[in-house]
């Protein structure tokens, strides 16, 4: 049974491509190749890859806080083409910040025997942070690849890395 899985958080067109509805800016240009490297490494090591995808309804309550983005069935909700999802990869659709909230992620990870998750993707201070928090509450060991996470807000990104490490006990790793 597998002990580790890679979770690729919200590497979707609306976040990482210029013109996307919630484009994270220049950080996207830096994080995309790093996430691709993490995906390729996981595949080489036969570690399961999970693409966790924001997937909202048009009337989602989240849009009271953030601009409308990643609407089900739209181009903006598609995984960045550079990451080239494979048939053996897992796709988890979510409507809230945490990949665990209202999804079958925990069940699927446990069925695969996963005890440790590695997080990459966007946004460090939102979906990465809250996914890590829920994972820790569920007793997963969590690590984050430092250069493979990003946000539209550099200060919030730095705060989240500290919070991940100091409060959640997440290991911040280099690639």
C-alpha atoms as a PDB file:
ATOM      1  CA  UNK A   1       0.000   0.000   0.000  1.00  0.00           C
ATOM      2  CA  UNK A   2       1.072   3.523  -0.770  1.00  0.00           C
ATOM      3  CA  UNK A   3       2.248   5.645   2.142  1.00  0.00           C
ATOM      4  CA  UNK A   4       2.491   9.022   0.388  1.00  0.00           C
ATOM      5  CA  UNK A   5       0.436  11.078  -2.100  1.00  0.00           C
ATOM      6  CA  UNK A   6       0.961  14.376  -3.929  1.00  0.00           C
ATOM      7  CA  UNK A   7      -1.930  16.845  -3.779  1.00  0.00           C
ATOM      8  CA  UNK A   8      -1.858  19.477  -6.521  1.00  0.00           C
ATOM      9  CA  UNK A   9      -4.055  22.287  -5.267  1.00  0.00           C
ATOM     10  CA  UNK A  10      -6.005  24.524  -7.683  1.00  0.00           C
ATOM     11  CA  UNK A  11      -3.529  24.643 -10.547  1.00  0.00           C
ATOM     12  CA  UNK A  12      -6.397  25.786 -12.730  1.00  0.00           C
ATOM     13  CA  UNK A  13      -6.619  28.192 -15.646  1.00  0.00           C
ATOM     14  CA  UNK A  14      -8.483  30.884 -13.689  1.00  0.00           C
ATOM     15  CA  UNK A  15      -5.569  31.056 -11.213  1.00  0.00           C
ATOM     16  CA  UNK A  16      -2.424  30.416 -13.248  1.00  0.00           C
ATOM     17  CA  UNK A  17      -3.048  31.862 -16.710  1.00  0.00           C
ATOM     18  CA  UNK A  18      -3.019  35.538 -17.484  1.00  0.00           C
ATOM     19  CA  UNK A  19      -6.596  36.630 -18.085  1.00  0.00           C
ATOM     20  CA  UNK A  20      -7.938  34.084 -15.606  1.00  0.00           C
ATOM     21  CA  UNK A  21     -10.732  35.328 -13.355  1.00  0.00           C
ATOM     22  CA  UNK A  22      -8.560  35.104 -10.213  1.00  0.00           C
ATOM     23  CA  UNK A  23      -5.089  35.166 -11.793  1.00  0.00           C
ATOM     24  CA  UNK A  24      -2.362  35.167  -9.128  1.00  0.00           C
ATOM     25  CA  UNK A  25      -0.012  37.295 -11.248  1.00  0.00           C
ATOM     26  CA  UNK A  26       3.733  36.853 -11.721  1.00  0.00           C
ATOM     27  CA  UNK A  27       3.843  34.156  -9.042  1.00  0.00           C
ATOM     28  CA  UNK A  28       2.058  31.854 -11.508  1.00  0.00           C
ATOM     29  CA  UNK A  29       4.983  31.962 -13.925  1.00  0.00           C
ATOM     30  CA  UNK A  30       7.331  30.768 -11.184  1.00  0.00           C
ATOM     31  CA  UNK A  31       5.123  28.174  -9.534  1.00  0.00           C
ATOM     32  CA  UNK A  32       3.817  26.358 -12.629  1.00  0.00           C
ATOM     33  CA  UNK A  33       7.177  24.781 -13.653  1.00  0.00           C
ATOM     34  CA  UNK A  34       7.867  23.848 -10.006  1.00  0.00           C
ATOM     35  CA  UNK A  35       4.504  22.112  -9.679  1.00  0.00           C
ATOM     36  CA  UNK A  36       5.130  20.319 -12.969  1.00  0.00           C
ATOM     37  CA  UNK A  37       8.473  19.111 -11.597  1.00  0.00           C
ATOM     38  CA  UNK A  38       6.752  17.809  -8.435  1.00  0.00           C
ATOM     39  CA  UNK A  39       4.130  15.969 -10.516  1.00  0.00           C
ATOM     40  CA  UNK A  40       6.791  14.378 -12.721  1.00  0.00           C
ATOM     41  CA  UNK A  41       8.820  13.315  -9.664  1.00  0.00           C
ATOM     42  CA  UNK A  42       5.744  11.774  -8.012  1.00  0.00           C
ATOM     43  CA  UNK A  43       4.971   9.801 -11.163  1.00  0.00           C
ATOM     44  CA  UNK A  44       8.579   8.567 -11.392  1.00  0.00           C
ATOM     45  CA  UNK A  45       8.372   7.410  -7.764  1.00  0.00           C
ATOM     46  CA  UNK A  46       4.912   5.873  -8.375  1.00  0.00           C
ATOM     47  CA  UNK A  47       3.321   8.175  -5.804  1.00  0.00           C
ATOM     48  CA  UNK A  48      -0.376   8.809  -6.487  1.00  0.00           C
ATOM     49  CA  UNK A  49      -1.142  12.277  -7.850  1.00  0.00           C
ATOM     50  CA  UNK A  50      -4.346  14.039  -6.827  1.00  0.00           C
ATOM     51  CA  UNK A  51      -5.481  17.135  -8.689  1.00  0.00           C
ATOM     52  CA  UNK A  52      -7.658  19.080  -6.283  1.00  0.00           C
ATOM     53  CA  UNK A  53      -9.814  21.490  -8.251  1.00  0.00           C
ATOM     54  CA  UNK A  54     -11.966  24.437  -7.282  1.00  0.00           C
ATOM     55  CA  UNK A  55     -15.256  23.721  -9.012  1.00  0.00           C
ATOM     56  CA  UNK A  56     -17.971  26.227  -8.195  1.00  0.00           C
ATOM     57  CA  UNK A  57     -21.591  26.730  -9.093  1.00  0.00           C
ATOM     58  CA  UNK A  58     -22.423  30.136 -10.564  1.00  0.00           C
ATOM     59  CA  UNK A  59     -24.313  31.106  -7.408  1.00  0.00           C
ATOM     60  CA  UNK A  60     -21.637  29.900  -4.965  1.00  0.00           C
ATOM     61  CA  UNK A  61     -21.603  31.823  -1.663  1.00  0.00           C
ATOM     62  CA  UNK A  62     -17.796  32.083  -1.911  1.00  0.00           C
ATOM     63  CA  UNK A  63     -18.330  34.800  -4.514  1.00  0.00           C
ATOM     64  CA  UNK A  64     -19.435  37.142  -1.743  1.00  0.00           C
ATOM     65  CA  UNK A  65     -15.737  37.181  -0.758  1.00  0.00           C
ATOM     66  CA  UNK A  66     -13.879  36.492  -3.999  1.00  0.00           C
ATOM     67  CA  UNK A  67     -14.592  37.234  -7.658  1.00  0.00           C
ATOM     68  CA  UNK A  68     -16.459  34.556  -9.583  1.00  0.00           C
ATOM     69  CA  UNK A  69     -13.948  31.870 -10.659  1.00  0.00           C
ATOM     70  CA  UNK A  70     -13.556  28.202 -11.610  1.00  0.00           C
ATOM     71  CA  UNK A  71     -17.187  27.678 -12.587  1.00  0.00           C
ATOM     72  CA  UNK A  72     -18.080  24.039 -13.268  1.00  0.00           C
ATOM     73  CA  UNK A  73     -17.630  23.157 -16.927  1.00  0.00           C
ATOM     74  CA  UNK A  74     -15.779  26.357 -17.902  1.00  0.00           C
ATOM     75  CA  UNK A  75     -12.299  26.756 -19.348  1.00  0.00           C
ATOM     76  CA  UNK A  76     -11.214  28.559 -16.176  1.00  0.00           C
ATOM     77  CA  UNK A  77     -11.917  25.425 -14.103  1.00  0.00           C
ATOM     78  CA  UNK A  78      -9.620  23.246 -16.221  1.00  0.00           C
ATOM     79  CA  UNK A  79      -6.262  21.972 -14.958  1.00  0.00           C
ATOM     80  CA  UNK A  80      -3.282  23.839 -16.464  1.00  0.00           C
ATOM     81  CA  UNK A  81      -2.340  21.940 -19.606  1.00  0.00           C
ATOM     82  CA  UNK A  82       1.361  21.833 -18.654  1.00  0.00           C
ATOM     83  CA  UNK A  83       0.499  19.433 -15.829  1.00  0.00           C
ATOM     84  CA  UNK A  84      -0.977  16.892 -18.241  1.00  0.00           C
ATOM     85  CA  UNK A  85      -3.245  14.840 -15.957  1.00  0.00           C
ATOM     86  CA  UNK A  86      -3.058  11.110 -16.640  1.00  0.00           C
ATOM     87  CA  UNK A  87      -5.904   8.570 -16.466  1.00  0.00           C
ATOM     88  CA  UNK A  88      -4.393   7.057 -13.299  1.00  0.00           C
ATOM     89  CA  UNK A  89      -4.402  10.427 -11.506  1.00  0.00           C
ATOM     90  CA  UNK A  90      -7.202  11.267  -9.112  1.00  0.00           C
ATOM     91  CA  UNK A  91      -9.367  14.365  -9.616  1.00  0.00           C
ATOM     92  CA  UNK A  92     -11.055  15.816  -6.533  1.00  0.00           C
ATOM     93  CA  UNK A  93     -13.552  18.634  -7.039  1.00  0.00           C
ATOM     94  CA  UNK A  94     -14.158  21.040  -4.178  1.00  0.00           C
ATOM     95  CA  UNK A  95     -16.254  24.111  -3.462  1.00  0.00           C
ATOM     96  CA  UNK A  96     -14.475  25.345  -0.340  1.00  0.00           C
ATOM     97  CA  UNK A  97     -10.891  26.130   0.655  1.00  0.00           C
ATOM     98  CA  UNK A  98     -10.002  22.739   2.125  1.00  0.00           C
ATOM     99  CA  UNK A  99      -9.628  19.762  -0.194  1.00  0.00           C
ATOM    100  CA  UNK A 100     -11.159  17.648   2.575  1.00  0.00           C
ATOM    101  CA  UNK A 101     -14.366  19.626   3.138  1.00  0.00           C
ATOM    102  CA  UNK A 102     -17.346  18.011   1.407  1.00  0.00           C
ATOM    103  CA  UNK A 103     -15.192  15.678  -0.748  1.00  0.00           C
ATOM    104  CA  UNK A 104     -14.181  12.018  -0.666  1.00  0.00           C
ATOM    105  CA  UNK A 105     -10.462  12.858  -0.465  1.00  0.00           C
ATOM    106  CA  UNK A 106      -9.946  11.416   3.027  1.00  0.00           C
ATOM    107  CA  UNK A 107     -11.739   8.179   2.127  1.00  0.00           C
ATOM    108  CA  UNK A 108      -9.738   7.778  -1.088  1.00  0.00           C
ATOM    109  CA  UNK A 109      -6.406   8.472   0.635  1.00  0.00           C
ATOM    110  CA  UNK A 110      -7.194   5.958   3.389  1.00  0.00           C
ATOM    111  CA  UNK A 111      -8.225   3.314   0.830  1.00  0.00           C
ATOM    112  CA  UNK A 112      -4.793   3.772  -0.782  1.00  0.00           C
ATOM    113  CA  UNK A 113      -3.031   3.474   2.582  1.00  0.00           C
ATOM    114  CA  UNK A 114      -1.737   7.050   2.449  1.00  0.00           C
ATOM    115  CA  UNK A 115      -0.333   8.407   5.708  1.00  0.00           C
ATOM    116  CA  UNK A 116       1.589  11.394   4.329  1.00  0.00           C
ATOM    117  CA  UNK A 117       0.578  14.078   1.853  1.00  0.00           C
ATOM    118  CA  UNK A 118       2.775  16.496  -0.035  1.00  0.00           C
ATOM    119  CA  UNK A 119       1.118  19.757  -1.050  1.00  0.00           C
ATOM    120  CA  UNK A 120       1.866  21.974  -4.040  1.00  0.00           C
ATOM    121  CA  UNK A 121      -0.218  24.631  -5.780  1.00  0.00           C
ATOM    122  CA  UNK A 122      -2.141  27.807  -5.021  1.00  0.00           C
ATOM    123  CA  UNK A 123      -2.954  29.793  -3.006  1.00  0.00           C
ATOM    124  CA  UNK A 124      -0.551  29.203  -0.117  1.00  0.00           C
ATOM    125  CA  UNK A 125      -2.550  31.296   2.357  1.00  0.00           C
ATOM    126  CA  UNK A 126      -5.953  29.943   1.387  1.00  0.00           C
ATOM    127  CA  UNK A 127      -6.502  26.492  -0.105  1.00  0.00           C
ATOM    128  CA  UNK A 128      -3.034  25.097   0.640  1.00  0.00           C
ATOM    129  CA  UNK A 129      -3.145  26.293   4.262  1.00  0.00           C
ATOM    130  CA  UNK A 130      -6.682  25.080   4.979  1.00  0.00           C
ATOM    131  CA  UNK A 131      -6.077  21.738   3.282  1.00  0.00           C
ATOM    132  CA  UNK A 132      -2.961  21.293   5.419  1.00  0.00           C
ATOM    133  CA  UNK A 133      -4.892  22.239   8.568  1.00  0.00           C
ATOM    134  CA  UNK A 134      -7.614  19.665   7.887  1.00  0.00           C
ATOM    135  CA  UNK A 135      -5.022  17.036   6.965  1.00  0.00           C
ATOM    136  CA  UNK A 136      -3.254  17.573  10.296  1.00  0.00           C
ATOM    137  CA  UNK A 137      -6.585  17.325  12.150  1.00  0.00           C
ATOM    138  CA  UNK A 138      -7.064  13.975  10.384  1.00  0.00           C
ATOM    139  CA  UNK A 139      -3.570  12.857  11.507  1.00  0.00           C
ATOM    140  CA  UNK A 140      -1.826  12.933   8.145  1.00  0.00           C
ATOM    141  CA  UNK A 141       1.833  13.866   8.034  1.00  0.00           C
ATOM    142  CA  UNK A 142       1.990  16.947   5.803  1.00  0.00           C
ATOM    143  CA  UNK A 143       4.793  18.538   3.834  1.00  0.00           C
ATOM    144  CA  UNK A 144       4.738  21.498   1.466  1.00  0.00           C
ATOM    145  CA  UNK A 145       7.191  22.023  -1.386  1.00  0.00           C
ATOM    146  CA  UNK A 146       8.306  25.607  -0.764  1.00  0.00           C
ATOM    147  CA  UNK A 147       8.957  26.650  -4.370  1.00  0.00           C
ATOM    148  CA  UNK A 148       5.845  24.859  -5.632  1.00  0.00           C
ATOM    149  CA  UNK A 149       3.304  26.973  -3.722  1.00  0.00           C
ATOM    150  CA  UNK A 150       2.349  30.585  -4.407  1.00  0.00           C
ATOM    151  CA  UNK A 151      -0.211  33.291  -3.827  1.00  0.00           C
ATOM    152  CA  UNK A 152      -1.294  36.616  -5.285  1.00  0.00           C
ATOM    153  CA  UNK A 153      -0.228  38.203  -1.953  1.00  0.00           C
ATOM    154  CA  UNK A 154       3.483  37.766  -1.113  1.00  0.00           C
ATOM    155  CA  UNK A 155       3.071  38.767   2.559  1.00  0.00           C
ATOM    156  CA  UNK A 156       0.171  36.366   3.033  1.00  0.00           C
ATOM    157  CA  UNK A 157       2.217  33.639   1.298  1.00  0.00           C
ATOM    158  CA  UNK A 158       5.108  34.172   3.741  1.00  0.00           C
ATOM    159  CA  UNK A 159       2.715  34.222   6.725  1.00  0.00           C
ATOM    160  CA  UNK A 160       1.125  30.970   5.548  1.00  0.00           C
ATOM    161  CA  UNK A 161       4.506  29.225   5.245  1.00  0.00           C
ATOM    162  CA  UNK A 162       5.280  30.224   8.855  1.00  0.00           C
ATOM    163  CA  UNK A 163       1.825  29.118  10.019  1.00  0.00           C
ATOM    164  CA  UNK A 164       2.163  25.821   8.175  1.00  0.00           C
ATOM    165  CA  UNK A 165       5.505  25.134   9.857  1.00  0.00           C
ATOM    166  CA  UNK A 166       5.090  26.638  13.320  1.00  0.00           C
ATOM    167  CA  UNK A 167       1.432  25.969  14.120  1.00  0.00           C
ATOM    168  CA  UNK A 168       0.595  22.917  12.030  1.00  0.00           C
ATOM    169  CA  UNK A 169       3.960  21.151  12.182  1.00  0.00           C
ATOM    170  CA  UNK A 170       4.099  20.915   8.413  1.00  0.00           C
ATOM    171  CA  UNK A 171       7.500  20.164   6.954  1.00  0.00           C
ATOM    172  CA  UNK A 172       8.542  22.793   4.426  1.00  0.00           C
ATOM    173  CA  UNK A 173      10.729  21.027   1.873  1.00  0.00           C
ATOM    174  CA  UNK A 174      12.915  21.948  -1.083  1.00  0.00           C
ATOM    175  CA  UNK A 175      12.539  20.172  -4.397  1.00  0.00           C
END
